[in-house]
Amino acid sequence: MIGSMRRHAAQGLPIYVLLIALIVLTGALSEDFRDPGNLQNLADRMAPLAVLALAQTVVILVGGIDLSVGAMVSLVTVILSFTGRDATIGIMTAVPLVLVFGAAFGAINGLGVVALRLDPLIMTLASSAVLQGLALFLRQSPGGLIDPSFADALGQRPLGVPGGFILAILLFALVWMLLSYTRVGRAMYAVGGNLESARGSGIGVDRTRLLAYVLAGLLAAAAGVLLAARIHAGDPVVGNSMTLDSVAAAIVGGTPFPGGSGGPVGTFGGAGLLAIIGNVLNMLNVSAYYQYIIKGLILASALVFFFYRRRETSHALA
């Protein structure tokens, strides 16, 4: 198991080499980038994306995908936006509620995949439409207010590090321990590596895949909580672009389709890479439309890289 853990961690090493090189290069070329305020803002913006990419990583590991995570983030910000002045619901009730809802909706996605045998792409795309519709029904445009005390609490910066970023690191550590040290984690890698072989080994394949979607739904809701605290309001479409970003961060971080390898270590670096690229492009006033193109090219390049690497590995083992 130790050897397997080291192998999965090593798969994320290239992304950190690239990440450090990008930080050094950008910091040398731009005084604005290395400004402490910008670095704190960068970490603050990275936290929700990192947690959402973690959710995506879990389902990719078992050979799936979840296209509903971005819509879940949007809906969570909308729900929490009713906790401000003249609150419809208290924040101490709303946060556990949205986390439970995220896990429950993840279970619905998982049941659609394992019980109804629906393609994960189709199932989660349909789920995304449902969540998006709910978000727009509750709030047609950005607005509302997150409970100021809650937003301020997560906005604290102990030792200059944003609170949301610290929470994101804690979530990564918990999921890493789950995947590395528990039977469930080993089962997830086994199912993603070879589903039929895992089934033949006595692993509860359907149960493992279902659990992955439940965990992904919970983490997506947690990402929504972090984002809501950062933007202080609800936005029914704020998570739209984050679905692609979450897939890109997971894959660039070394968790390729169809699963069975990679994990949280690389995903955190992948999220950091995308956050820095977005930060630099914003400082250069690059249009959001071009940023979509750049992110798409990054994702396509990562897919091609892992496709050829996996094929070379297969030929070497043959």
C-alpha atoms as a PDB file:
ATOM      1  CA  MET A   1       0.000   0.000   0.000  1.00  0.00           C
ATOM      2  CA  ILE A   2       2.878   2.368   0.817  1.00  0.00           C
ATOM      3  CA  GLY A   3       4.318   1.834  -2.656  1.00  0.00           C
ATOM      4  CA  SER A   4       0.954   2.578  -4.236  1.00  0.00           C
ATOM      5  CA  MET A   5       0.595   5.746  -2.166  1.00  0.00           C
ATOM      6  CA  ARG A   6       4.031   6.915  -3.250  1.00  0.00           C
ATOM      7  CA  ARG A   7       3.201   6.200  -6.878  1.00  0.00           C
ATOM      8  CA  HIS A   8      -0.019   8.225  -6.721  1.00  0.00           C
ATOM      9  CA  ALA A   9       1.796  11.098  -4.992  1.00  0.00           C
ATOM     10  CA  ALA A  10       4.602  10.964  -7.573  1.00  0.00           C
ATOM     11  CA  GLN A  11       2.055  11.357 -10.376  1.00  0.00           C
ATOM     12  CA  GLY A  12       1.295  14.821  -9.017  1.00  0.00           C
ATOM     13  CA  LEU A  13       4.959  15.868  -8.880  1.00  0.00           C
ATOM     14  CA  PRO A  14       5.167  17.298 -12.440  1.00  0.00           C
ATOM     15  CA  ILE A  15       2.330  19.722 -11.758  1.00  0.00           C
ATOM     16  CA  TYR A  16       4.170  21.148  -8.737  1.00  0.00           C
ATOM     17  CA  VAL A  17       7.362  21.569 -10.742  1.00  0.00           C
ATOM     18  CA  LEU A  18       5.351  23.477 -13.347  1.00  0.00           C
ATOM     19  CA  LEU A  19       3.486  25.417 -10.650  1.00  0.00           C
ATOM     20  CA  ILE A  20       6.677  26.537  -8.892  1.00  0.00           C
ATOM     21  CA  ALA A  21       8.271  27.501 -12.217  1.00  0.00           C
ATOM     22  CA  LEU A  22       5.200  29.564 -13.122  1.00  0.00           C
ATOM     23  CA  ILE A  23       5.167  31.310  -9.723  1.00  0.00           C
ATOM     24  CA  VAL A  24       8.868  32.165  -9.944  1.00  0.00           C
ATOM     25  CA  LEU A  25       8.639  33.368 -13.540  1.00  0.00           C
ATOM     26  CA  THR A  26       5.475  35.413 -13.016  1.00  0.00           C
ATOM     27  CA  GLY A  27       6.789  36.881  -9.757  1.00  0.00           C
ATOM     28  CA  ALA A  28      10.010  37.928 -11.497  1.00  0.00           C
ATOM     29  CA  LEU A  29       8.154  39.575 -14.378  1.00  0.00           C
ATOM     30  CA  SER A  30       5.344  41.223 -12.412  1.00  0.00           C
ATOM     31  CA  GLU A  31       5.656  43.204  -9.207  1.00  0.00           C
ATOM     32  CA  ASP A  32       1.862  43.262  -8.959  1.00  0.00           C
ATOM     33  CA  PHE A  33       1.721  39.453  -8.897  1.00  0.00           C
ATOM     34  CA  ARG A  34       4.049  39.100  -5.925  1.00  0.00           C
ATOM     35  CA  ASP A  35       2.238  41.801  -3.975  1.00  0.00           C
ATOM     36  CA  PRO A  36       1.033  40.212  -0.682  1.00  0.00           C
ATOM     37  CA  GLY A  37      -2.494  41.472  -1.289  1.00  0.00           C
ATOM     38  CA  ASN A  38      -2.631  39.787  -4.673  1.00  0.00           C
ATOM     39  CA  LEU A  39      -1.243  36.522  -3.292  1.00  0.00           C
ATOM     40  CA  GLN A  40      -3.858  36.522  -0.524  1.00  0.00           C
ATOM     41  CA  ASN A  41      -6.578  37.211  -3.078  1.00  0.00           C
ATOM     42  CA  LEU A  42      -5.213  34.404  -5.238  1.00  0.00           C
ATOM     43  CA  ALA A  43      -5.398  31.918  -2.354  1.00  0.00           C
ATOM     44  CA  ASP A  44      -8.890  33.132  -1.500  1.00  0.00           C
ATOM     45  CA  ARG A  45     -10.090  32.624  -5.080  1.00  0.00           C
ATOM     46  CA  MET A  46      -8.362  29.253  -5.364  1.00  0.00           C
ATOM     47  CA  ALA A  47     -10.039  27.676  -2.319  1.00  0.00           C
ATOM     48  CA  PRO A  48     -13.546  27.025  -3.778  1.00  0.00           C
ATOM     49  CA  LEU A  49     -12.093  25.785  -7.072  1.00  0.00           C
ATOM     50  CA  ALA A  50      -9.683  23.461  -5.268  1.00  0.00           C
ATOM     51  CA  VAL A  51     -12.488  21.885  -3.213  1.00  0.00           C
ATOM     52  CA  LEU A  52     -14.664  21.534  -6.320  1.00  0.00           C
ATOM     53  CA  ALA A  53     -11.762  19.910  -8.175  1.00  0.00           C
ATOM     54  CA  LEU A  54     -11.394  17.551  -5.220  1.00  0.00           C
ATOM     55  CA  ALA A  55     -15.042  16.550  -5.688  1.00  0.00           C
ATOM     56  CA  GLN A  56     -14.369  15.896  -9.364  1.00  0.00           C
ATOM     57  CA  THR A  57     -11.244  13.900  -8.535  1.00  0.00           C
ATOM     58  CA  VAL A  58     -13.184  11.467  -6.362  1.00  0.00           C
ATOM     59  CA  VAL A  59     -15.638  10.555  -9.131  1.00  0.00           C
ATOM     60  CA  ILE A  60     -12.982  10.437 -11.841  1.00  0.00           C
ATOM     61  CA  LEU A  61     -11.015   8.000  -9.681  1.00  0.00           C
ATOM     62  CA  VAL A  62     -13.877   5.483  -9.916  1.00  0.00           C
ATOM     63  CA  GLY A  63     -14.240   6.005 -13.659  1.00  0.00           C
ATOM     64  CA  GLY A  64     -17.019   8.603 -13.589  1.00  0.00           C
ATOM     65  CA  ILE A  65     -17.524  12.324 -14.000  1.00  0.00           C
ATOM     66  CA  ASP A  66     -19.847  14.868 -12.390  1.00  0.00           C
ATOM     67  CA  LEU A  67     -21.057  17.754 -14.533  1.00  0.00           C
ATOM     68  CA  SER A  68     -23.455  18.958 -11.835  1.00  0.00           C
ATOM     69  CA  VAL A  69     -20.832  20.278  -9.396  1.00  0.00           C
ATOM     70  CA  GLY A  70     -20.812  23.805 -10.810  1.00  0.00           C
ATOM     71  CA  ALA A  71     -24.585  24.110 -10.630  1.00  0.00           C
ATOM     72  CA  MET A  72     -24.448  22.820  -7.047  1.00  0.00           C
ATOM     73  CA  VAL A  73     -22.076  25.654  -6.173  1.00  0.00           C
ATOM     74  CA  SER A  74     -24.472  28.193  -7.706  1.00  0.00           C
ATOM     75  CA  LEU A  75     -27.468  26.815  -5.819  1.00  0.00           C
ATOM     76  CA  VAL A  76     -25.601  26.787  -2.499  1.00  0.00           C
ATOM     77  CA  THR A  77     -24.629  30.457  -2.858  1.00  0.00           C
ATOM     78  CA  VAL A  78     -28.258  31.278  -3.632  1.00  0.00           C
ATOM     79  CA  ILE A  79     -29.589  29.403  -0.597  1.00  0.00           C
ATOM     80  CA  LEU A  80     -27.045  31.032   1.710  1.00  0.00           C
ATOM     81  CA  SER A  81     -27.898  34.456   0.297  1.00  0.00           C
ATOM     82  CA  PHE A  82     -31.138  34.338   2.298  1.00  0.00           C
ATOM     83  CA  THR A  83     -29.222  34.331   5.602  1.00  0.00           C
ATOM     84  CA  GLY A  84     -28.360  38.050   5.722  1.00  0.00           C
ATOM     85  CA  ARG A  85     -30.516  40.909   6.956  1.00  0.00           C
ATOM     86  CA  ASP A  86     -34.175  39.956   7.510  1.00  0.00           C
ATOM     87  CA  ALA A  87     -32.977  36.368   7.174  1.00  0.00           C
ATOM     88  CA  THR A  88     -35.370  33.730   5.878  1.00  0.00           C
ATOM     89  CA  ILE A  89     -33.126  31.079   7.404  1.00  0.00           C
ATOM     90  CA  GLY A  90     -30.301  31.217   9.958  1.00  0.00           C
ATOM     91  CA  ILE A  91     -26.764  30.539   8.807  1.00  0.00           C
ATOM     92  CA  MET A  92     -26.243  27.843  11.459  1.00  0.00           C
ATOM     93  CA  THR A  93     -29.184  25.984   9.946  1.00  0.00           C
ATOM     94  CA  ALA A  94     -28.448  26.786   6.323  1.00  0.00           C
ATOM     95  CA  VAL A  95     -24.850  25.517   6.169  1.00  0.00           C
ATOM     96  CA  PRO A  96     -25.548  21.994   7.522  1.00  0.00           C
ATOM     97  CA  LEU A  97     -28.680  21.943   5.350  1.00  0.00           C
ATOM     98  CA  VAL A  98     -26.811  22.618   2.109  1.00  0.00           C
ATOM     99  CA  LEU A  99     -24.096  20.108   3.010  1.00  0.00           C
ATOM    100  CA  VAL A 100     -26.687  17.395   3.629  1.00  0.00           C
ATOM    101  CA  PHE A 101     -28.461  18.411   0.429  1.00  0.00           C
ATOM    102  CA  GLY A 102     -25.194  18.139  -1.505  1.00  0.00           C
ATOM    103  CA  ALA A 103     -24.544  14.635  -0.206  1.00  0.00           C
ATOM    104  CA  ALA A 104     -28.159  13.589  -0.892  1.00  0.00           C
ATOM    105  CA  PHE A 105     -28.067  14.941  -4.423  1.00  0.00           C
ATOM    106  CA  GLY A 106     -24.759  13.161  -4.946  1.00  0.00           C
ATOM    107  CA  ALA A 107     -26.535   9.976  -3.888  1.00  0.00           C
ATOM    108  CA  ILE A 108     -29.174  10.611  -6.553  1.00  0.00           C
ATOM    109  CA  ASN A 109     -26.429  10.961  -9.163  1.00  0.00           C
ATOM    110  CA  GLY A 110     -24.793   7.792  -7.894  1.00  0.00           C
ATOM    111  CA  LEU A 111     -28.034   5.801  -7.954  1.00  0.00           C
ATOM    112  CA  GLY A 112     -28.685   6.934 -11.503  1.00  0.00           C
ATOM    113  CA  VAL A 113     -25.264   5.644 -12.514  1.00  0.00           C
ATOM    114  CA  VAL A 114     -25.101   2.369 -10.564  1.00  0.00           C
ATOM    115  CA  ALA A 115     -28.769   1.362 -10.288  1.00  0.00           C
ATOM    116  CA  LEU A 116     -30.243   2.705 -13.518  1.00  0.00           C
ATOM    117  CA  ARG A 117     -26.979   2.156 -15.429  1.00  0.00           C
ATOM    118  CA  LEU A 118     -27.110   5.644 -16.930  1.00  0.00           C
ATOM    119  CA  ASP A 119     -23.970   7.088 -18.433  1.00  0.00           C
ATOM    120  CA  PRO A 120     -22.373   9.432 -15.836  1.00  0.00           C
ATOM    121  CA  LEU A 121     -22.107  12.156 -18.447  1.00  0.00           C
ATOM    122  CA  ILE A 122     -25.843  12.045 -19.202  1.00  0.00           C
ATOM    123  CA  MET A 123     -26.950  11.562 -15.598  1.00  0.00           C
ATOM    124  CA  THR A 124     -24.960  14.442 -14.174  1.00  0.00           C
ATOM    125  CA  LEU A 125     -25.746  16.712 -17.119  1.00  0.00           C
ATOM    126  CA  ALA A 126     -29.447  16.219 -16.382  1.00  0.00           C
ATOM    127  CA  SER A 127     -28.784  16.817 -12.681  1.00  0.00           C
ATOM    128  CA  SER A 128     -26.963  20.010 -13.535  1.00  0.00           C
ATOM    129  CA  ALA A 129     -30.031  21.297 -15.387  1.00  0.00           C
ATOM    130  CA  VAL A 130     -32.225  20.548 -12.365  1.00  0.00           C
ATOM    131  CA  LEU A 131     -29.893  22.351  -9.963  1.00  0.00           C
ATOM    132  CA  GLN A 132     -29.502  25.290 -12.325  1.00  0.00           C
ATOM    133  CA  GLY A 133     -33.278  25.583 -12.626  1.00  0.00           C
ATOM    134  CA  LEU A 134     -33.667  25.574  -8.838  1.00  0.00           C
ATOM    135  CA  ALA A 135     -31.018  28.280  -8.463  1.00  0.00           C
ATOM    136  CA  LEU A 136     -32.709  30.503 -11.055  1.00  0.00           C
ATOM    137  CA  PHE A 137     -36.127  29.866  -9.510  1.00  0.00           C
ATOM    138  CA  LEU A 138     -34.916  31.061  -6.112  1.00  0.00           C
ATOM    139  CA  ARG A 139     -32.949  34.022  -7.419  1.00  0.00           C
ATOM    140  CA  GLN A 140     -33.090  35.203 -11.022  1.00  0.00           C
ATOM    141  CA  SER A 141     -30.023  37.434 -10.737  1.00  0.00           C
ATOM    142  CA  PRO A 142     -27.127  37.949  -8.325  1.00  0.00           C
ATOM    143  CA  GLY A 143     -28.237  39.401  -5.010  1.00  0.00           C
ATOM    144  CA  GLY A 144     -29.159  38.758  -1.430  1.00  0.00           C
ATOM    145  CA  LEU A 145     -26.697  38.765   1.436  1.00  0.00           C
ATOM    146  CA  ILE A 146     -24.716  36.103   3.249  1.00  0.00           C
ATOM    147  CA  ASP A 147     -24.812  36.407   7.033  1.00  0.00           C
ATOM    148  CA  PRO A 148     -22.051  39.023   7.598  1.00  0.00           C
ATOM    149  CA  SER A 149     -20.737  37.328  10.739  1.00  0.00           C
ATOM    150  CA  PHE A 150     -20.275  34.050   8.853  1.00  0.00           C
ATOM    151  CA  ALA A 151     -18.605  35.729   5.879  1.00  0.00           C
ATOM    152  CA  ASP A 152     -16.325  37.659   8.223  1.00  0.00           C
ATOM    153  CA  ALA A 153     -15.395  34.488  10.121  1.00  0.00           C
ATOM    154  CA  LEU A 154     -14.299  32.699   6.942  1.00  0.00           C
ATOM    155  CA  GLY A 155     -12.664  35.907   5.754  1.00  0.00           C
ATOM    156  CA  GLN A 156     -10.222  35.946   8.672  1.00  0.00           C
ATOM    157  CA  ARG A 157      -6.566  35.656   7.675  1.00  0.00           C
ATOM    158  CA  PRO A 158      -4.509  34.050  10.448  1.00  0.00           C
ATOM    159  CA  LEU A 159      -0.826  34.639   9.665  1.00  0.00           C
ATOM    160  CA  GLY A 160      -1.958  36.246   6.420  1.00  0.00           C
ATOM    161  CA  VAL A 161      -3.545  33.040   5.068  1.00  0.00           C
ATOM    162  CA  PRO A 162      -7.249  33.273   4.116  1.00  0.00           C
ATOM    163  CA  GLY A 163      -9.545  31.147   6.282  1.00  0.00           C
ATOM    164  CA  GLY A 164     -11.195  29.582   3.244  1.00  0.00           C
ATOM    165  CA  PHE A 165      -7.816  28.441   1.951  1.00  0.00           C
ATOM    166  CA  ILE A 166      -7.027  26.815   5.301  1.00  0.00           C
ATOM    167  CA  LEU A 167     -10.361  24.970   5.242  1.00  0.00           C
ATOM    168  CA  ALA A 168      -9.640  23.795   1.701  1.00  0.00           C
ATOM    169  CA  ILE A 169      -6.284  22.355   2.820  1.00  0.00           C
ATOM    170  CA  LEU A 170      -8.002  20.562   5.708  1.00  0.00           C
ATOM    171  CA  LEU A 171     -10.560  19.020   3.340  1.00  0.00           C
ATOM    172  CA  PHE A 172      -7.775  17.866   1.038  1.00  0.00           C
ATOM    173  CA  ALA A 173      -5.959  16.290   3.970  1.00  0.00           C
ATOM    174  CA  LEU A 174      -9.098  14.444   5.084  1.00  0.00           C
ATOM    175  CA  VAL A 175      -9.844  13.093   1.600  1.00  0.00           C
ATOM    176  CA  TRP A 176      -6.195  12.137   1.090  1.00  0.00           C
ATOM    177  CA  MET A 177      -6.269  10.138   4.317  1.00  0.00           C
ATOM    178  CA  LEU A 178      -9.552   8.506   3.273  1.00  0.00           C
ATOM    179  CA  LEU A 179      -8.099   7.442  -0.069  1.00  0.00           C
ATOM    180  CA  SER A 180      -4.703   6.438   1.291  1.00  0.00           C
ATOM    181  CA  TYR A 181      -5.440   4.695   4.565  1.00  0.00           C
ATOM    182  CA  THR A 182      -8.909   3.168   4.355  1.00  0.00           C
ATOM    183  CA  ARG A 183     -10.474   0.172   2.649  1.00  0.00           C
ATOM    184  CA  VAL A 184     -12.904   2.502   0.906  1.00  0.00           C
ATOM    185  CA  GLY A 185     -10.057   4.495  -0.621  1.00  0.00           C
ATOM    186  CA  ARG A 186      -8.292   1.376  -1.900  1.00  0.00           C
ATOM    187  CA  ALA A 187     -11.585   0.185  -3.332  1.00  0.00           C
ATOM    188  CA  MET A 188     -12.019   3.450  -5.255  1.00  0.00           C
ATOM    189  CA  TYR A 189      -8.633   3.063  -6.903  1.00  0.00           C
ATOM    190  CA  ALA A 190      -9.347  -0.583  -7.684  1.00  0.00           C
ATOM    191  CA  VAL A 191     -12.754   0.173  -9.234  1.00  0.00           C
ATOM    192  CA  GLY A 192     -11.328   2.928 -11.413  1.00  0.00           C
ATOM    193  CA  GLY A 193      -8.332   0.832 -12.430  1.00  0.00           C
ATOM    194  CA  ASN A 194     -10.281  -2.224 -13.551  1.00  0.00           C
ATOM    195  CA  LEU A 195     -13.951  -2.490 -12.681  1.00  0.00           C
ATOM    196  CA  GLU A 196     -14.375  -6.175 -13.543  1.00  0.00           C
ATOM    197  CA  SER A 197     -11.206  -7.169 -11.742  1.00  0.00           C
ATOM    198  CA  ALA A 198     -12.367  -5.242  -8.673  1.00  0.00           C
ATOM    199  CA  ARG A 199     -15.728  -6.998  -8.823  1.00  0.00           C
ATOM    200  CA  GLY A 200     -13.998 -10.349  -9.071  1.00  0.00           C
ATOM    201  CA  SER A 201     -11.921  -9.486  -5.994  1.00  0.00           C
ATOM    202  CA  GLY A 202     -15.074  -9.143  -3.927  1.00  0.00           C
ATOM    203  CA  ILE A 203     -15.144  -5.334  -3.850  1.00  0.00           C
ATOM    204  CA  GLY A 204     -18.622  -3.809  -3.720  1.00  0.00           C
ATOM    205  CA  VAL A 205     -18.263  -1.928  -6.995  1.00  0.00           C
ATOM    206  CA  ASP A 206     -21.700  -0.305  -7.013  1.00  0.00           C
ATOM    207  CA  ARG A 207     -21.434   0.689  -3.360  1.00  0.00           C
ATOM    208  CA  THR A 208     -18.008   2.216  -3.947  1.00  0.00           C
ATOM    209  CA  ARG A 209     -19.150   4.228  -6.955  1.00  0.00           C
ATOM    210  CA  LEU A 210     -22.242   5.405  -5.100  1.00  0.00           C
ATOM    211  CA  LEU A 211     -20.116   6.567  -2.182  1.00  0.00           C
ATOM    212  CA  ALA A 212     -17.848   8.482  -4.563  1.00  0.00           C
ATOM    213  CA  TYR A 213     -20.816  10.470  -5.893  1.00  0.00           C
ATOM    214  CA  VAL A 214     -22.115  11.123  -2.364  1.00  0.00           C
ATOM    215  CA  LEU A 215     -18.706  12.453  -1.340  1.00  0.00           C
ATOM    216  CA  ALA A 216     -18.487  14.542  -4.508  1.00  0.00           C
ATOM    217  CA  GLY A 217     -21.888  16.110  -3.809  1.00  0.00           C
ATOM    218  CA  LEU A 218     -20.842  16.932  -0.246  1.00  0.00           C
ATOM    219  CA  LEU A 219     -17.579  18.512  -1.389  1.00  0.00           C
ATOM    220  CA  ALA A 220     -19.339  20.493  -4.135  1.00  0.00           C
ATOM    221  CA  ALA A 221     -21.700  21.932  -1.521  1.00  0.00           C
ATOM    222  CA  ALA A 222     -18.697  22.777   0.678  1.00  0.00           C
ATOM    223  CA  ALA A 223     -17.114  24.598  -2.268  1.00  0.00           C
ATOM    224  CA  GLY A 224     -20.342  26.572  -2.605  1.00  0.00           C
ATOM    225  CA  VAL A 225     -20.175  27.559   1.061  1.00  0.00           C
ATOM    226  CA  LEU A 226     -16.601  28.828   0.633  1.00  0.00           C
ATOM    227  CA  LEU A 227     -17.520  30.780  -2.489  1.00  0.00           C
ATOM    228  CA  ALA A 228     -20.625  32.284  -0.887  1.00  0.00           C
ATOM    229  CA  ALA A 229     -18.550  33.544   2.031  1.00  0.00           C
ATOM    230  CA  ARG A 230     -16.134  35.143  -0.433  1.00  0.00           C
ATOM    231  CA  ILE A 231     -18.647  36.901  -2.692  1.00  0.00           C
ATOM    232  CA  HIS A 232     -21.053  37.751   0.205  1.00  0.00           C
ATOM    233  CA  ALA A 233     -24.092  37.150  -2.021  1.00  0.00           C
ATOM    234  CA  GLY A 234     -25.934  34.571  -4.076  1.00  0.00           C
ATOM    235  CA  ASP A 235     -25.380  34.121  -7.791  1.00  0.00           C
ATOM    236  CA  PRO A 236     -27.451  31.560  -9.754  1.00  0.00           C
ATOM    237  CA  VAL A 237     -24.821  31.201 -12.489  1.00  0.00           C
ATOM    238  CA  VAL A 238     -21.541  31.763 -10.639  1.00  0.00           C
ATOM    239  CA  GLY A 239     -20.611  28.082 -10.802  1.00  0.00           C
ATOM    240  CA  ASN A 240     -21.191  27.631 -14.536  1.00  0.00           C
ATOM    241  CA  SER A 241     -17.548  27.994 -15.555  1.00  0.00           C
ATOM    242  CA  MET A 242     -16.291  26.080 -12.514  1.00  0.00           C
ATOM    243  CA  THR A 243     -17.393  22.686 -13.838  1.00  0.00           C
ATOM    244  CA  LEU A 244     -14.874  22.818 -16.685  1.00  0.00           C
ATOM    245  CA  ASP A 245     -12.259  24.238 -14.333  1.00  0.00           C
ATOM    246  CA  SER A 246     -12.794  21.404 -11.845  1.00  0.00           C
ATOM    247  CA  VAL A 247     -12.334  18.759 -14.535  1.00  0.00           C
ATOM    248  CA  ALA A 248      -9.256  20.545 -15.879  1.00  0.00           C
ATOM    249  CA  ALA A 249      -7.683  20.872 -12.415  1.00  0.00           C
ATOM    250  CA  ALA A 250      -8.215  17.181 -11.647  1.00  0.00           C
ATOM    251  CA  ILE A 251      -6.870  15.943 -14.967  1.00  0.00           C
ATOM    252  CA  VAL A 252      -3.960  18.386 -15.165  1.00  0.00           C
ATOM    253  CA  GLY A 253      -3.149  17.336 -11.593  1.00  0.00           C
ATOM    254  CA  GLY A 254      -2.682  13.723 -12.656  1.00  0.00           C
ATOM    255  CA  THR A 255      -6.092  12.049 -12.264  1.00  0.00           C
ATOM    256  CA  PRO A 256      -6.859  11.046 -15.856  1.00  0.00           C
ATOM    257  CA  PHE A 257      -9.849   9.318 -17.369  1.00  0.00           C
ATOM    258  CA  PRO A 258     -10.946   6.599 -16.852  1.00  0.00           C
ATOM    259  CA  GLY A 259      -9.633   6.709 -13.279  1.00  0.00           C
ATOM    260  CA  GLY A 260      -7.694   4.353 -11.067  1.00  0.00           C
ATOM    261  CA  SER A 261      -4.713   6.660 -10.585  1.00  0.00           C
ATOM    262  CA  GLY A 262      -3.856  10.128  -9.360  1.00  0.00           C
ATOM    263  CA  GLY A 263      -5.560  11.724  -6.380  1.00  0.00           C
ATOM    264  CA  PRO A 264      -5.832  14.834  -4.199  1.00  0.00           C
ATOM    265  CA  VAL A 265      -2.109  15.624  -4.092  1.00  0.00           C
ATOM    266  CA  GLY A 266      -1.917  16.493  -7.771  1.00  0.00           C
ATOM    267  CA  THR A 267      -5.388  18.024  -7.872  1.00  0.00           C
ATOM    268  CA  PHE A 268      -4.408  20.733  -5.391  1.00  0.00           C
ATOM    269  CA  GLY A 269      -1.503  21.667  -7.637  1.00  0.00           C
ATOM    270  CA  GLY A 270      -3.761  21.606 -10.693  1.00  0.00           C
ATOM    271  CA  ALA A 271      -6.192  23.993  -9.023  1.00  0.00           C
ATOM    272  CA  GLY A 272      -3.295  26.269  -8.085  1.00  0.00           C
ATOM    273  CA  LEU A 273      -2.017  26.263 -11.660  1.00  0.00           C
ATOM    274  CA  LEU A 274      -5.413  27.230 -13.075  1.00  0.00           C
ATOM    275  CA  ALA A 275      -5.887  29.908 -10.405  1.00  0.00           C
ATOM    276  CA  ILE A 276      -2.514  31.488 -11.208  1.00  0.00           C
ATOM    277  CA  ILE A 277      -3.162  31.391 -14.949  1.00  0.00           C
ATOM    278  CA  GLY A 278      -6.538  33.051 -14.380  1.00  0.00           C
ATOM    279  CA  ASN A 279      -4.948  35.655 -12.104  1.00  0.00           C
ATOM    280  CA  VAL A 280      -2.282  36.511 -14.671  1.00  0.00           C
ATOM    281  CA  LEU A 281      -4.819  36.706 -17.501  1.00  0.00           C
ATOM    282  CA  ASN A 282      -7.012  39.025 -15.425  1.00  0.00           C
ATOM    283  CA  MET A 283      -4.029  41.285 -14.692  1.00  0.00           C
ATOM    284  CA  LEU A 284      -3.373  41.379 -18.440  1.00  0.00           C
ATOM    285  CA  ASN A 285      -7.060  42.251 -19.026  1.00  0.00           C
ATOM    286  CA  VAL A 286      -7.558  39.211 -21.254  1.00  0.00           C
ATOM    287  CA  SER A 287     -11.225  38.748 -22.150  1.00  0.00           C
ATOM    288  CA  ALA A 288     -13.128  36.006 -20.336  1.00  0.00           C
ATOM    289  CA  TYR A 289     -13.979  34.518 -23.734  1.00  0.00           C
ATOM    290  CA  TYR A 290     -10.303  33.995 -24.534  1.00  0.00           C
ATOM    291  CA  GLN A 291      -9.755  32.576 -21.058  1.00  0.00           C
ATOM    292  CA  TYR A 292     -12.298  29.845 -21.863  1.00  0.00           C
ATOM    293  CA  ILE A 293     -10.292  28.991 -24.981  1.00  0.00           C
ATOM    294  CA  ILE A 294      -7.033  28.845 -23.039  1.00  0.00           C
ATOM    295  CA  LYS A 295      -8.523  26.603 -20.331  1.00  0.00           C
ATOM    296  CA  GLY A 296      -9.994  24.330 -22.997  1.00  0.00           C
ATOM    297  CA  LEU A 297      -6.597  24.007 -24.658  1.00  0.00           C
ATOM    298  CA  ILE A 298      -4.991  23.183 -21.299  1.00  0.00           C
ATOM    299  CA  LEU A 299      -7.572  20.456 -20.679  1.00  0.00           C
ATOM    300  CA  ALA A 300      -7.188  19.028 -24.181  1.00  0.00           C
ATOM    301  CA  SER A 301      -3.390  18.972 -23.828  1.00  0.00           C
ATOM    302  CA  ALA A 302      -3.637  17.139 -20.503  1.00  0.00           C
ATOM    303  CA  LEU A 303      -6.015  14.566 -21.971  1.00  0.00           C
ATOM    304  CA  VAL A 304      -3.673  13.920 -24.904  1.00  0.00           C
ATOM    305  CA  PHE A 305      -0.664  13.651 -22.581  1.00  0.00           C
ATOM    306  CA  PHE A 306      -2.288  11.088 -20.283  1.00  0.00           C
ATOM    307  CA  PHE A 307      -3.747   9.129 -23.210  1.00  0.00           C
ATOM    308  CA  TYR A 308      -0.323   8.593 -24.732  1.00  0.00           C
ATOM    309  CA  ARG A 309       1.324   7.947 -21.366  1.00  0.00           C
ATOM    310  CA  ARG A 310      -1.265   5.295 -20.505  1.00  0.00           C
ATOM    311  CA  ARG A 311      -0.874   3.698 -23.934  1.00  0.00           C
ATOM    312  CA  GLU A 312       2.905   3.586 -23.535  1.00  0.00           C
ATOM    313  CA  THR A 313       2.471   2.000 -20.113  1.00  0.00           C
ATOM    314  CA  SER A 314       0.112  -0.612 -21.550  1.00  0.00           C
ATOM    315  CA  HIS A 315       2.603  -1.461 -24.318  1.00  0.00           C
ATOM    316  CA  ALA A 316       5.413  -1.760 -21.791  1.00  0.00           C
ATOM    317  CA  LEU A 317       3.386  -4.215 -19.701  1.00  0.00           C
ATOM    318  CA  ALA A 318       2.302  -6.253 -22.733  1.00  0.00           C
END
